[in-house]
Amino acid sequence: MSKNAYLIKEAISLLKQLIALPSFSKEENDTADLLCRFFHERGVVYERIGNNVWAYNKNKDDSKPCILLNSHHDTVKPNSGYTKDPFSPLVAEGKLYGLGSNDAGGCLVSLIAAFLYYYEQEDLRYNLCLLASAEEEISGKNGVEEAIKHIGPIDFAIVGEPTQLQMAIAEKGLMVLDCEAVGISGHAAREEGENAIYKALEAIDWFRTFQFPKVSAYLGPVKMSVTVVNGGTQHNVVPASCTFVVDVRTTDVYSNQEVLDIIKQHVSVNVNPRSTRLNPSTIELDHPIVQSGVRLGAKTFGSPTMSDQALLPVPSVKVGPGDSARSHSADEYIFLTEIEQGVSFYNDLLKNVVKKEKKG
């Protein structure tokens, strides 16, 4: 059996074990324990903070730059449409069923296989750091954001998410804004007060119609959607307050803070972001890892869905086996052939970057 075939077999076995252990966000202790045992049994030195587990290649050289290989081992909770046991790995008609099989277990075990392929190799141009992170599904603060504080410097990252092995080189960010229009209370029967709802409507209309000057080549325009409105207490009282929530999907041509500053310049209501930490991300088309993927036939695109890319302080490309359309769906599955293809793709993607060219 070739080394690649052996690692594919190991990856599928590991994924079955991961599926069998519930690992909802903030409750990933059992799968983190499993990953630690997996590395220990293979002689791989690992570290752990909370439920984040990471390891470096055996011949790590601190003078070299580092590539982060990241995917997550937490899952959402199974939805009510499941007809199969979400925690019972089942292989049928070439598919491996189970919660987290597609999002993002297939990516994680494929990245681990690629990491192990290069683990003992010498004279690599880059160090490799494999990080299995927690809390990705809720963008939690104890996931990759915490792990990155303890990992050494990294130069760029490959984020494993199901993309059918196409490369997302840009990804939308997110801000949720809590807004309040403030008026003056009064009796509705008289010319009293200042109606906060009317003030809110003016701001809401701005959110509906404003177009940001810069448009992303991969992600299009910044998108703002008012999703919740609350105002008034009873029919005969002019409301002094009206609150509303705005969902803002930012793109790689603006930071979240830049978008927030523009919003505050244009509306006359109080605007308070719940967070500005989930930023859009991008990586240059001519970056070596992107060009490596292009040479392998992968297409580039901009992703509307968010991942741990939003919390990484370095350029990253999102790519992996599986299909995003299956994520969070009932009876989630991944094709076994997709895992085979994923392992080979990651191996080749890295080979074009980390292996030193032989001089003729």
Foldseek 3Di string as FASTA:
>chain_A
DDLLVVLLVVLVVLLLVLLLDAAAFVRNVVNLVVVVVVCVVVVFDWDDDRSKIKGKAPPDDVVAAEEEEEAESHFHDADPPAPDDQNHFDADPQKTWHTCAQRPSLQLSLSVSLCVVCRHPPDWRHMYMYMHWGRFVPPDCRTPLVVVVVDDDHAEYEYEHADQQAKEQKEWFKWKKKWKFFKFKDWQVDPDIGASVVLVVVLQVCLVDDWDPDADPFHGTKHKDWDDKDWDDDDTMRTRMIITMMMIIHIPVDQLVRVVVVSVVPGDIDIDIPDRQQTMAGDDCPPLLNVLSVVVVHHYHHYHDGGCRSNDPHRYMYGAFHHPVQGSHHRRIGRSVSSSVRNVSSNSSVCSRTDDDDDD
